[in-house]
Amino acid sequence: MNIFNLLFGGNKTSRRTVTQLTEKNIVSDWRSISILISQKGPSSLKNALITADKTLDNALRDMVDGETMGDRLKNAENMFDRNLYNKIWEAHKIRNNLVHESGYEPPHFVITESIQVLKTALQSLGLRI
């Protein structure tokens, strides 16, 4: 690695596309998410959000480097407009709270808005779901 890449982040690869297999999995995941949303129960919506977050992470794995989804989101910042990027982070934090904090019960509309944000993020990456 040369000094320019070290100083200016040139070592971060951004592939800007997902593999065909990943795209197929994203479409399949989104069908499952749609079914969960239609069930409208609290646990179904929580599972839909967790799956939507995982689905965006799978897309980002193909597109940017990073050990964790948080790392990948940081490396993908320039792929989203600022407003959407901030909303993606909020949705990811809500997902993390659902998974890691017992008793965390966000309102129904917060979960559904977060799912929509993650769908918009996937679409902004050029994925058809």
N, C-alpha and C. Protein backbone atom coordinates (compact mmCIF):
# COMPACT_ATOMS: atom_id res chain seq x y z
N MET A 1 0.87 -1.17 0.00
CA MET A 1 0.00 0.00 0.00
C MET A 1 0.91 1.23 0.00
N ASN A 2 0.57 2.19 -0.84
CA ASN A 2 1.40 3.39 -0.86
C ASN A 2 0.89 4.41 0.14
N ILE A 3 1.70 5.43 0.38
CA ILE A 3 1.38 6.44 1.40
C ILE A 3 0.10 7.21 1.06
N PHE A 4 -0.15 7.46 -0.23
CA PHE A 4 -1.37 8.17 -0.63
C PHE A 4 -2.60 7.38 -0.20
N ASN A 5 -2.61 6.09 -0.48
CA ASN A 5 -3.75 5.26 -0.08
C ASN A 5 -3.92 5.22 1.43
N LEU A 6 -2.82 5.16 2.14
CA LEU A 6 -2.88 5.14 3.59
C LEU A 6 -3.48 6.43 4.14
N LEU A 7 -3.03 7.56 3.61
CA LEU A 7 -3.50 8.86 4.10
C LEU A 7 -4.92 9.21 3.68
N PHE A 8 -5.30 8.82 2.47
CA PHE A 8 -6.57 9.26 1.93
C PHE A 8 -7.60 8.16 1.76
N GLY A 9 -7.36 7.01 2.36
CA GLY A 9 -8.36 5.95 2.35
C GLY A 9 -8.51 5.25 1.02
N GLY A 10 -7.51 5.30 0.19
CA GLY A 10 -7.58 4.65 -1.11
C GLY A 10 -7.61 3.14 -1.03
N ASN A 11 -7.34 2.59 0.13
CA ASN A 11 -7.37 1.15 0.29
C ASN A 11 -8.79 0.62 0.48
N LYS A 12 -9.75 1.50 0.74
CA LYS A 12 -11.13 1.07 0.90
C LYS A 12 -11.71 0.77 -0.47
N THR A 13 -12.11 -0.45 -0.66
CA THR A 13 -12.68 -0.80 -1.96
C THR A 13 -14.18 -0.62 -1.91
N SER A 14 -14.70 -0.09 -2.96
CA SER A 14 -16.13 0.09 -3.11
C SER A 14 -16.50 -0.52 -4.44
N ARG A 15 -17.24 -1.61 -4.40
CA ARG A 15 -17.52 -2.36 -5.61
C ARG A 15 -18.78 -1.91 -6.32
N ARG A 16 -19.66 -1.20 -5.62
CA ARG A 16 -20.86 -0.57 -6.19
C ARG A 16 -21.87 -1.54 -6.79
N THR A 17 -21.71 -2.81 -6.58
CA THR A 17 -22.69 -3.77 -7.08
C THR A 17 -22.68 -5.00 -6.17
N VAL A 18 -23.73 -5.78 -6.26
CA VAL A 18 -23.79 -7.03 -5.50
C VAL A 18 -23.73 -8.19 -6.48
N THR A 19 -23.37 -9.34 -5.98
CA THR A 19 -23.35 -10.53 -6.83
C THR A 19 -24.78 -10.93 -7.18
N GLN A 20 -24.91 -11.73 -8.21
CA GLN A 20 -26.24 -12.21 -8.59
C GLN A 20 -26.85 -13.04 -7.47
N LEU A 21 -26.04 -13.83 -6.80
CA LEU A 21 -26.54 -14.64 -5.69
C LEU A 21 -27.06 -13.75 -4.57
N THR A 22 -26.32 -12.71 -4.23
CA THR A 22 -26.77 -11.80 -3.18
C THR A 22 -28.07 -11.13 -3.59
N GLU A 23 -28.17 -10.68 -4.83
CA GLU A 23 -29.40 -10.03 -5.28
C GLU A 23 -30.58 -11.00 -5.21
N LYS A 24 -30.35 -12.24 -5.59
CA LYS A 24 -31.41 -13.26 -5.50
C LYS A 24 -31.83 -13.45 -4.04
N ASN A 25 -30.86 -13.50 -3.13
CA ASN A 25 -31.17 -13.66 -1.71
C ASN A 25 -31.91 -12.45 -1.15
N ILE A 26 -31.56 -11.26 -1.63
CA ILE A 26 -32.23 -10.04 -1.17
C ILE A 26 -33.70 -10.06 -1.58
N VAL A 27 -33.96 -10.46 -2.81
CA VAL A 27 -35.35 -10.55 -3.29
C VAL A 27 -36.12 -11.56 -2.45
N SER A 28 -35.50 -12.70 -2.18
CA SER A 28 -36.14 -13.73 -1.36
C SER A 28 -36.38 -13.24 0.06
N ASP A 29 -35.37 -12.59 0.64
CA ASP A 29 -35.52 -12.03 1.99
C ASP A 29 -36.66 -11.03 2.02
N TRP A 30 -36.77 -10.20 0.98
CA TRP A 30 -37.81 -9.17 1.02
C TRP A 30 -39.20 -9.76 0.89
N ARG A 31 -39.32 -10.89 0.21
CA ARG A 31 -40.61 -11.59 0.19
C ARG A 31 -40.98 -12.02 1.61
N SER A 32 -40.02 -12.57 2.33
CA SER A 32 -40.25 -12.98 3.72
C SER A 32 -40.60 -11.79 4.59
N ILE A 33 -39.92 -10.68 4.39
CA ILE A 33 -40.20 -9.47 5.15
C ILE A 33 -41.62 -8.99 4.89
N SER A 34 -42.04 -9.02 3.64
CA SER A 34 -43.41 -8.60 3.28
C SER A 34 -44.45 -9.46 3.97
N ILE A 35 -44.19 -10.75 4.05
CA ILE A 35 -45.11 -11.66 4.74
C ILE A 35 -45.17 -11.31 6.23
N LEU A 36 -44.00 -11.09 6.82
CA LEU A 36 -43.97 -10.73 8.25
C LEU A 36 -44.71 -9.43 8.50
N ILE A 37 -44.53 -8.45 7.63
CA ILE A 37 -45.22 -7.16 7.79
C ILE A 37 -46.73 -7.35 7.71
N SER A 38 -47.18 -8.19 6.80
CA SER A 38 -48.62 -8.40 6.62
C SER A 38 -49.26 -9.06 7.83
N GLN A 39 -48.48 -9.77 8.62
CA GLN A 39 -49.00 -10.42 9.82
C GLN A 39 -49.27 -9.42 10.94
N LYS A 40 -48.61 -8.28 10.92
CA LYS A 40 -48.85 -7.13 11.79
C LYS A 40 -48.67 -7.36 13.29
N GLY A 41 -48.27 -8.53 13.69
CA GLY A 41 -48.03 -8.76 15.11
C GLY A 41 -46.70 -8.15 15.54
N PRO A 42 -46.58 -7.80 16.81
CA PRO A 42 -45.33 -7.18 17.29
C PRO A 42 -44.09 -8.03 17.01
N SER A 43 -44.16 -9.33 17.26
CA SER A 43 -42.97 -10.15 17.03
C SER A 43 -42.68 -10.29 15.54
N SER A 44 -43.73 -10.31 14.72
CA SER A 44 -43.52 -10.38 13.27
C SER A 44 -42.83 -9.13 12.76
N LEU A 45 -43.26 -7.97 13.25
CA LEU A 45 -42.64 -6.72 12.82
C LEU A 45 -41.19 -6.63 13.29
N LYS A 46 -40.93 -7.09 14.51
CA LYS A 46 -39.55 -7.08 15.00
C LYS A 46 -38.67 -7.97 14.13
N ASN A 47 -39.18 -9.16 13.80
CA ASN A 47 -38.42 -10.07 12.94
C ASN A 47 -38.23 -9.48 11.55
N ALA A 48 -39.23 -8.76 11.05
CA ALA A 48 -39.10 -8.11 9.74
C ALA A 48 -37.98 -7.07 9.77
N LEU A 49 -37.91 -6.29 10.84
CA LEU A 49 -36.85 -5.28 10.95
C LEU A 49 -35.48 -5.94 11.05
N ILE A 50 -35.37 -6.97 11.85
CA ILE A 50 -34.09 -7.68 11.99
C ILE A 50 -33.65 -8.24 10.64
N THR A 51 -34.59 -8.83 9.91
CA THR A 51 -34.27 -9.39 8.59
C THR A 51 -33.92 -8.29 7.59
N ALA A 52 -34.64 -7.18 7.63
CA ALA A 52 -34.35 -6.06 6.71
C ALA A 52 -32.94 -5.51 6.96
N ASP A 53 -32.57 -5.39 8.22
CA ASP A 53 -31.23 -4.92 8.58
C ASP A 53 -30.17 -5.90 8.07
N LYS A 54 -30.42 -7.18 8.27
CA LYS A 54 -29.49 -8.21 7.80
C LYS A 54 -29.38 -8.18 6.28
N THR A 55 -30.50 -7.92 5.61
CA THR A 55 -30.51 -7.89 4.15
C THR A 55 -29.67 -6.73 3.62
N LEU A 56 -29.80 -5.56 4.23
CA LEU A 56 -28.95 -4.44 3.82
C LEU A 56 -27.49 -4.77 4.11
N ASP A 57 -27.21 -5.38 5.23
CA ASP A 57 -25.84 -5.75 5.56
C ASP A 57 -25.27 -6.70 4.51
N ASN A 58 -26.07 -7.66 4.05
CA ASN A 58 -25.60 -8.59 3.03
C ASN A 58 -25.24 -7.86 1.74
N ALA A 59 -26.04 -6.86 1.37
CA ALA A 59 -25.72 -6.06 0.18
C ALA A 59 -24.41 -5.31 0.40
N LEU A 60 -24.28 -4.70 1.57
CA LEU A 60 -23.07 -3.91 1.85
C LEU A 60 -21.82 -4.78 1.88
N ARG A 61 -21.96 -6.04 2.32
CA ARG A 61 -20.81 -6.96 2.33
C ARG A 61 -20.19 -7.09 0.94
N ASP A 62 -21.06 -7.10 -0.08
CA ASP A 62 -20.58 -7.22 -1.45
C ASP A 62 -20.00 -5.91 -1.98
N MET A 63 -20.34 -4.81 -1.35
CA MET A 63 -20.03 -3.50 -1.93
C MET A 63 -18.89 -2.74 -1.24
N VAL A 64 -18.72 -2.95 0.05
CA VAL A 64 -17.69 -2.22 0.80
C VAL A 64 -17.02 -3.15 1.80
N ASP A 65 -15.86 -2.74 2.25
CA ASP A 65 -15.13 -3.50 3.26
C ASP A 65 -15.65 -3.16 4.65
N GLY A 66 -15.39 -4.04 5.60
CA GLY A 66 -15.72 -3.79 6.99
C GLY A 66 -15.97 -5.08 7.73
N GLU A 67 -15.55 -5.10 8.98
CA GLU A 67 -15.72 -6.28 9.84
C GLU A 67 -17.17 -6.44 10.30
N THR A 68 -17.81 -5.33 10.63
CA THR A 68 -19.18 -5.36 11.17
C THR A 68 -20.08 -4.52 10.28
N MET A 69 -21.37 -4.61 10.51
CA MET A 69 -22.27 -3.76 9.74
C MET A 69 -21.97 -2.29 10.01
N GLY A 70 -21.65 -1.96 11.24
CA GLY A 70 -21.29 -0.58 11.55
C GLY A 70 -20.10 -0.11 10.72
N ASP A 71 -19.09 -0.96 10.61
CA ASP A 71 -17.92 -0.62 9.78
C ASP A 71 -18.32 -0.45 8.32
N ARG A 72 -19.15 -1.36 7.84
CA ARG A 72 -19.58 -1.29 6.44
C ARG A 72 -20.42 -0.03 6.20
N LEU A 73 -21.29 0.32 7.16
CA LEU A 73 -22.07 1.55 7.00
C LEU A 73 -21.16 2.77 6.93
N LYS A 74 -20.15 2.80 7.78
CA LYS A 74 -19.21 3.93 7.74
C LYS A 74 -18.52 4.01 6.38
N ASN A 75 -18.13 2.86 5.84
CA ASN A 75 -17.45 2.84 4.55
C ASN A 75 -18.40 3.11 3.38
N ALA A 76 -19.70 3.01 3.62
CA ALA A 76 -20.69 3.23 2.56
C ALA A 76 -21.32 4.61 2.64
N GLU A 77 -20.82 5.46 3.50
CA GLU A 77 -21.45 6.76 3.74
C GLU A 77 -21.67 7.55 2.44
N ASN A 78 -20.70 7.51 1.54
CA ASN A 78 -20.82 8.29 0.30
C ASN A 78 -21.79 7.66 -0.71
N MET A 79 -22.35 6.52 -0.39
CA MET A 79 -23.27 5.84 -1.30
C MET A 79 -24.72 6.28 -1.08
N PHE A 80 -24.96 7.03 -0.02
CA PHE A 80 -26.32 7.47 0.33
C PHE A 80 -26.31 8.98 0.54
N ASP A 81 -27.46 9.61 0.31
CA ASP A 81 -27.53 11.03 0.68
C ASP A 81 -27.54 11.12 2.21
N ARG A 82 -27.14 12.26 2.72
CA ARG A 82 -26.94 12.44 4.17
C ARG A 82 -28.18 12.09 4.98
N ASN A 83 -29.35 12.53 4.55
CA ASN A 83 -30.59 12.27 5.28
C ASN A 83 -30.87 10.77 5.36
N LEU A 84 -30.77 10.08 4.23
CA LEU A 84 -31.01 8.64 4.22
C LEU A 84 -29.96 7.92 5.06
N TYR A 85 -28.72 8.32 4.93
CA TYR A 85 -27.64 7.69 5.70
C TYR A 85 -27.93 7.77 7.20
N ASN A 86 -28.34 8.93 7.67
CA ASN A 86 -28.66 9.09 9.10
C ASN A 86 -29.84 8.22 9.50
N LYS A 87 -30.84 8.11 8.64
CA LYS A 87 -32.00 7.26 8.94
C LYS A 87 -31.61 5.78 8.97
N ILE A 88 -30.69 5.38 8.10
CA ILE A 88 -30.21 4.00 8.10
C ILE A 88 -29.55 3.70 9.45
N TRP A 89 -28.71 4.61 9.92
CA TRP A 89 -28.07 4.42 11.22
C TRP A 89 -29.11 4.28 12.33
N GLU A 90 -30.13 5.13 12.30
CA GLU A 90 -31.18 5.06 13.32
C GLU A 90 -31.90 3.71 13.27
N ALA A 91 -32.22 3.25 12.07
CA ALA A 91 -32.88 1.95 11.92
C ALA A 91 -31.99 0.83 12.45
N HIS A 92 -30.70 0.91 12.16
CA HIS A 92 -29.76 -0.10 12.64
C HIS A 92 -29.67 -0.08 14.17
N LYS A 93 -29.68 1.11 14.77
CA LYS A 93 -29.65 1.22 16.23
C LYS A 93 -30.91 0.62 16.85
N ILE A 94 -32.06 0.85 16.21
CA ILE A 94 -33.31 0.26 16.71
C ILE A 94 -33.22 -1.25 16.65
N ARG A 95 -32.71 -1.78 15.54
CA ARG A 95 -32.52 -3.23 15.41
C ARG A 95 -31.61 -3.74 16.53
N ASN A 96 -30.50 -3.04 16.77
CA ASN A 96 -29.57 -3.47 17.82
C ASN A 96 -30.25 -3.46 19.18
N ASN A 97 -31.05 -2.45 19.46
CA ASN A 97 -31.77 -2.41 20.73
C ASN A 97 -32.74 -3.57 20.85
N LEU A 98 -33.42 -3.91 19.77
CA LEU A 98 -34.34 -5.06 19.80
C LEU A 98 -33.61 -6.34 20.15
N VAL A 99 -32.43 -6.50 19.59
CA VAL A 99 -31.68 -7.74 19.76
C VAL A 99 -30.95 -7.80 21.10
N HIS A 100 -30.47 -6.67 21.57
CA HIS A 100 -29.58 -6.68 22.74
C HIS A 100 -30.18 -6.17 24.04
N GLU A 101 -31.32 -5.50 23.99
CA GLU A 101 -31.92 -4.96 25.21
C GLU A 101 -33.25 -5.66 25.49
N SER A 102 -33.27 -6.44 26.56
CA SER A 102 -34.52 -7.10 26.91
C SER A 102 -35.54 -6.05 27.32
N GLY A 103 -36.75 -6.26 26.89
CA GLY A 103 -37.82 -5.34 27.24
C GLY A 103 -37.92 -4.11 26.36
N TYR A 104 -37.04 -3.97 25.37
CA TYR A 104 -37.12 -2.82 24.47
C TYR A 104 -38.32 -3.02 23.55
N GLU A 105 -39.26 -2.10 23.61
CA GLU A 105 -40.50 -2.19 22.83
C GLU A 105 -40.77 -0.87 22.12
N PRO A 106 -40.16 -0.66 20.96
CA PRO A 106 -40.45 0.59 20.24
C PRO A 106 -41.87 0.58 19.70
N PRO A 107 -42.45 1.74 19.49
CA PRO A 107 -43.80 1.80 18.93
C PRO A 107 -43.84 1.17 17.53
N HIS A 108 -45.01 0.68 17.19
CA HIS A 108 -45.25 0.03 15.90
C HIS A 108 -44.75 0.90 14.75
N PHE A 109 -45.08 2.19 14.77
CA PHE A 109 -44.71 3.06 13.65
C PHE A 109 -43.19 3.23 13.53
N VAL A 110 -42.46 3.14 14.63
CA VAL A 110 -41.01 3.26 14.59
C VAL A 110 -40.41 2.06 13.86
N ILE A 111 -40.94 0.88 14.14
CA ILE A 111 -40.45 -0.32 13.47
C ILE A 111 -40.79 -0.28 11.98
N THR A 112 -42.03 0.07 11.65
CA THR A 112 -42.43 0.09 10.23
C THR A 112 -41.65 1.16 9.46
N GLU A 113 -41.42 2.32 10.07
CA GLU A 113 -40.62 3.36 9.40
C GLU A 113 -39.18 2.88 9.19
N SER A 114 -38.64 2.17 10.16
CA SER A 114 -37.28 1.66 10.04
C SER A 114 -37.17 0.65 8.92
N ILE A 115 -38.16 -0.21 8.80
CA ILE A 115 -38.18 -1.19 7.71
C ILE A 115 -38.21 -0.45 6.37
N GLN A 116 -39.05 0.57 6.27
CA GLN A 116 -39.15 1.33 5.03
C GLN A 116 -37.83 2.03 4.69
N VAL A 117 -37.15 2.55 5.69
CA VAL A 117 -35.85 3.19 5.47
C VAL A 117 -34.86 2.18 4.89
N LEU A 118 -34.84 0.98 5.44
CA LEU A 118 -33.90 -0.04 4.95
C LEU A 118 -34.26 -0.47 3.53
N LYS A 119 -35.54 -0.53 3.22
CA LYS A 119 -35.97 -0.83 1.85
C LYS A 119 -35.51 0.27 0.90
N THR A 120 -35.70 1.52 1.30
CA THR A 120 -35.27 2.65 0.49
C THR A 120 -33.76 2.62 0.28
N ALA A 121 -33.01 2.24 1.31
CA ALA A 121 -31.56 2.13 1.20
C ALA A 121 -31.17 1.11 0.14
N LEU A 122 -31.82 -0.05 0.16
CA LEU A 122 -31.54 -1.08 -0.84
C LEU A 122 -31.87 -0.58 -2.24
N GLN A 123 -33.00 0.09 -2.37
CA GLN A 123 -33.40 0.62 -3.67
C GLN A 123 -32.42 1.69 -4.15
N SER A 124 -31.92 2.50 -3.24
CA SER A 124 -30.97 3.54 -3.64
C SER A 124 -29.64 2.96 -4.10
N LEU A 125 -29.38 1.71 -3.72
CA LEU A 125 -28.18 1.01 -4.19
C LEU A 125 -28.41 0.36 -5.55
N GLY A 126 -29.62 0.54 -6.08
CA GLY A 126 -29.93 0.00 -7.40
C GLY A 126 -30.53 -1.39 -7.38
N LEU A 127 -30.93 -1.85 -6.21
CA LEU A 127 -31.51 -3.19 -6.10
C LEU A 127 -33.02 -3.12 -6.28
N ARG A 128 -33.54 -4.05 -7.05
CA ARG A 128 -34.99 -4.12 -7.26
C ARG A 128 -35.56 -5.16 -6.31
N ILE A 129 -36.42 -4.70 -5.41
CA ILE A 129 -37.02 -5.63 -4.45
C ILE A 129 -38.52 -5.50 -4.46
